[in-house]
Amino acid sequence: MRCLIPLESGRLSLLTGDTNSGKTEQALDAARGTCDQGRGVLFIDADATLEASRLRRHLPARANFWSMRPQDPEQAFAAALAFCQRAPGSLLIIDSLDGLLPEAAERQRTLRHSLPRLIGSAYANRCELLFSALPQRGSLSLLCRAYSSHHLNLNQQRDQGDAHDALRR
């Protein structure tokens, strides 16, 4: 599988989709491609769903790949900001914003405070940002869409693929 969403230096790309729609797989494919180019990747596993065996299957023994499971949103955004500043030209993945910020009020407050700073740092340091989230209509989706340069809804991608397969029959 290859990553379907374009990644752009200094920009946020947003992957949305239901549970088990392939968001993590897409993020891992993007990580592998970036590592293959010799650039660094920080994978923030906010959902705490990335098992070591799955990680080894996608990214076996990569010196330029780091992952973390943050204790709270502040730790995640602090690590993300530090990574962008210390590793220019790298890829930062947060999988997923819903796991990182489960409460709506906290989500909106934290994103309004942290996201502009993180995107500014990514822009200044030519880093790519890839976030995943559930396809909800609340503040998370609207706020991220406002800041993102690319958005891919894997549910729509899957539905289009199903329609395409049906047309080929």
Protein backbone atom coordinates (compact mmCIF):
# COMPACT_ATOMS: atom_id res chain seq x y z
CA MET A 1 0.00 0.00 0.00
CA ARG A 2 1.18 3.54 -0.63
CA CYS A 3 0.22 6.69 1.21
CA LEU A 4 -2.76 8.30 -0.56
CA ILE A 5 -2.57 11.77 0.99
CA PRO A 6 -0.07 14.31 -0.29
CA LEU A 7 2.41 15.62 2.27
CA GLU A 8 3.70 19.15 1.92
CA SER A 9 6.53 20.86 3.73
CA GLY A 10 5.27 23.29 6.36
CA ARG A 11 1.67 22.13 6.01
CA LEU A 12 -0.84 19.96 7.85
CA SER A 13 -2.43 16.99 6.09
CA LEU A 14 -5.50 15.48 7.76
CA LEU A 15 -6.60 11.84 7.43
CA THR A 16 -10.11 11.09 8.61
CA GLY A 17 -12.07 7.87 8.68
CA ASP A 18 -14.03 5.55 10.90
CA THR A 19 -12.35 3.09 13.24
CA ASN A 20 -10.52 0.41 11.19
CA SER A 21 -10.69 2.49 8.00
CA GLY A 22 -6.91 2.43 7.51
CA LYS A 23 -5.77 5.73 9.03
CA THR A 24 -2.89 4.17 10.95
CA GLU A 25 -1.85 2.09 7.92
CA GLN A 26 -1.75 5.23 5.80
CA ALA A 27 0.28 7.03 8.47
CA LEU A 28 2.74 4.13 8.67
CA ASP A 29 3.08 4.09 4.88
CA ALA A 30 3.89 7.81 4.96
CA ALA A 31 6.44 7.14 7.73
CA ARG A 32 8.10 4.38 5.73
CA GLY A 33 8.36 6.57 2.62
CA THR A 34 9.86 9.42 4.63
CA CYS A 35 12.35 7.11 6.37
CA ASP A 36 13.33 5.65 2.99
CA GLN A 37 14.25 9.18 1.92
CA GLY A 38 16.59 9.42 4.92
CA ARG A 39 14.43 11.93 6.80
CA GLY A 40 13.25 11.61 10.39
CA VAL A 41 9.78 10.63 11.59
CA LEU A 42 8.14 11.05 14.99
CA PHE A 43 4.98 8.93 15.35
CA ILE A 44 2.86 10.05 18.31
CA ASP A 45 0.61 7.08 19.12
CA ALA A 46 -2.14 8.95 20.94
CA ASP A 47 -4.61 6.07 20.59
CA ALA A 48 -2.07 3.64 22.12
CA THR A 49 -2.95 1.06 19.46
CA LEU A 50 0.36 0.59 17.67
CA GLU A 51 1.76 -2.80 18.61
CA ALA A 52 5.48 -3.51 18.29
CA SER A 53 4.89 -6.35 15.80
CA ARG A 54 2.86 -4.09 13.51
CA LEU A 55 5.52 -1.43 13.75
CA ARG A 56 8.31 -3.88 12.88
CA ARG A 57 6.33 -5.11 9.90
CA HIS A 58 6.05 -1.58 8.48
CA LEU A 59 9.31 -0.07 9.66
CA PRO A 60 11.90 -2.72 10.55
CA ALA A 61 14.89 -1.26 12.47
CA ARG A 62 14.85 2.36 11.34
CA ALA A 63 17.37 4.68 12.97
CA ASN A 64 15.41 7.73 11.83
CA PHE A 65 12.03 6.65 13.26
CA TRP A 66 10.82 7.42 16.79
CA SER A 67 7.47 6.71 18.40
CA MET A 68 5.92 7.77 21.68
CA ARG A 69 2.74 7.36 23.68
CA PRO A 70 2.11 10.67 25.40
CA GLN A 71 0.76 10.91 28.93
CA ASP A 72 -1.29 14.01 28.06
CA PRO A 73 -1.84 16.52 25.24
CA GLU A 74 0.73 18.95 26.66
CA GLN A 75 3.46 16.31 26.50
CA ALA A 76 2.48 15.39 22.95
CA PHE A 77 2.48 18.97 21.66
CA ALA A 78 5.73 19.80 23.51
CA ALA A 79 7.44 16.76 21.94
CA ALA A 80 5.98 17.62 18.53
CA LEU A 81 7.22 21.22 18.75
CA ALA A 82 10.68 20.16 19.91
CA PHE A 83 10.91 17.55 17.14
CA CYS A 84 10.04 20.08 14.42
CA GLN A 85 12.63 22.50 15.79
CA ARG A 86 15.40 19.88 16.11
CA ALA A 87 14.72 17.82 12.98
CA PRO A 88 14.12 20.14 10.00
CA GLY A 89 12.60 18.46 6.98
CA SER A 90 11.08 15.65 9.03
CA LEU A 91 7.57 14.19 9.29
CA LEU A 92 5.46 14.44 12.43
CA ILE A 93 2.47 12.10 12.77
CA ILE A 94 -0.22 12.31 15.45
CA ASP A 95 -2.45 9.22 15.36
CA SER A 96 -5.07 10.21 16.41
CA LEU A 97 -6.29 13.56 17.63
CA ASP A 98 -9.34 11.86 19.13
CA GLY A 99 -7.17 9.68 21.36
CA LEU A 100 -5.06 12.66 22.34
CA LEU A 101 -7.99 14.97 23.05
CA PRO A 102 -11.12 12.94 23.90
CA GLU A 103 -13.07 15.75 25.60
CA ALA A 104 -14.63 18.32 23.24
CA ALA A 105 -13.98 21.40 25.39
CA GLU A 106 -10.36 20.44 26.06
CA ARG A 107 -9.90 19.54 22.40
CA GLN A 108 -11.02 22.96 21.17
CA ARG A 109 -8.99 24.87 23.77
CA THR A 110 -5.80 22.84 23.25
CA LEU A 111 -5.97 22.92 19.46
CA ARG A 112 -6.60 26.67 19.33
CA HIS A 113 -3.63 27.22 21.61
CA SER A 114 -1.17 24.62 20.29
CA LEU A 115 -1.94 24.06 16.62
CA PRO A 116 -0.94 27.50 15.27
CA ARG A 117 2.41 27.32 17.08
CA LEU A 118 3.07 23.80 15.83
CA ILE A 119 2.16 24.68 12.23
CA GLY A 120 4.35 27.80 12.46
CA SER A 121 7.28 25.70 13.62
CA ALA A 122 6.63 23.12 10.89
CA TYR A 123 6.59 25.89 8.30
CA ALA A 124 9.80 27.49 9.60
CA ASN A 125 11.58 24.11 9.73
CA ARG A 126 10.10 22.62 6.52
CA CYS A 127 8.46 19.74 8.42
CA GLU A 128 5.43 17.82 7.21
CA LEU A 129 2.50 17.25 9.59
CA LEU A 130 0.11 14.33 9.28
CA PHE A 131 -2.76 14.00 11.77
CA SER A 132 -5.54 11.43 11.85
CA ALA A 133 -9.00 11.83 13.34
CA LEU A 134 -12.49 10.38 13.27
CA PRO A 135 -14.76 12.09 10.70
CA GLN A 136 -16.83 14.14 13.11
CA ARG A 137 -18.50 17.44 12.45
CA GLY A 138 -17.45 19.13 15.68
CA SER A 139 -14.72 21.60 16.54
CA LEU A 140 -11.90 19.13 15.89
CA SER A 141 -12.79 18.57 12.28
CA LEU A 142 -13.57 22.22 11.53
CA LEU A 143 -10.47 23.53 13.25
CA CYS A 144 -8.14 21.02 11.62
CA ARG A 145 -9.71 21.50 8.21
CA ALA A 146 -9.21 25.25 8.57
CA TYR A 147 -5.49 24.68 9.17
CA SER A 148 -4.92 21.75 6.80
CA SER A 149 -3.77 22.01 3.22
CA HIS A 150 -4.87 18.44 2.38
CA HIS A 151 -7.75 16.37 3.73
CA LEU A 152 -8.49 12.75 2.87
CA ASN A 153 -11.57 11.00 4.21
CA LEU A 154 -10.83 7.28 3.99
CA ASN A 155 -14.55 6.45 4.26
CA GLN A 156 -15.19 8.34 1.00
CA GLN A 157 -12.10 6.77 -0.56
CA ARG A 158 -13.37 3.30 0.37
CA ASP A 159 -16.89 4.11 -0.92
CA GLN A 160 -15.44 5.35 -4.23
CA GLY A 161 -13.36 2.19 -4.48
CA ASP A 162 -16.46 0.05 -3.87
CA ALA A 163 -18.36 2.01 -6.55
CA HIS A 164 -15.42 1.65 -8.96
CA ASP A 165 -15.26 -2.12 -8.32
CA ALA A 166 -19.00 -2.42 -8.94
CA LEU A 167 -18.67 -0.57 -12.26
CA ARG A 168 -15.90 -2.94 -13.40
CA ARG A 169 -18.15 -6.02 -12.85
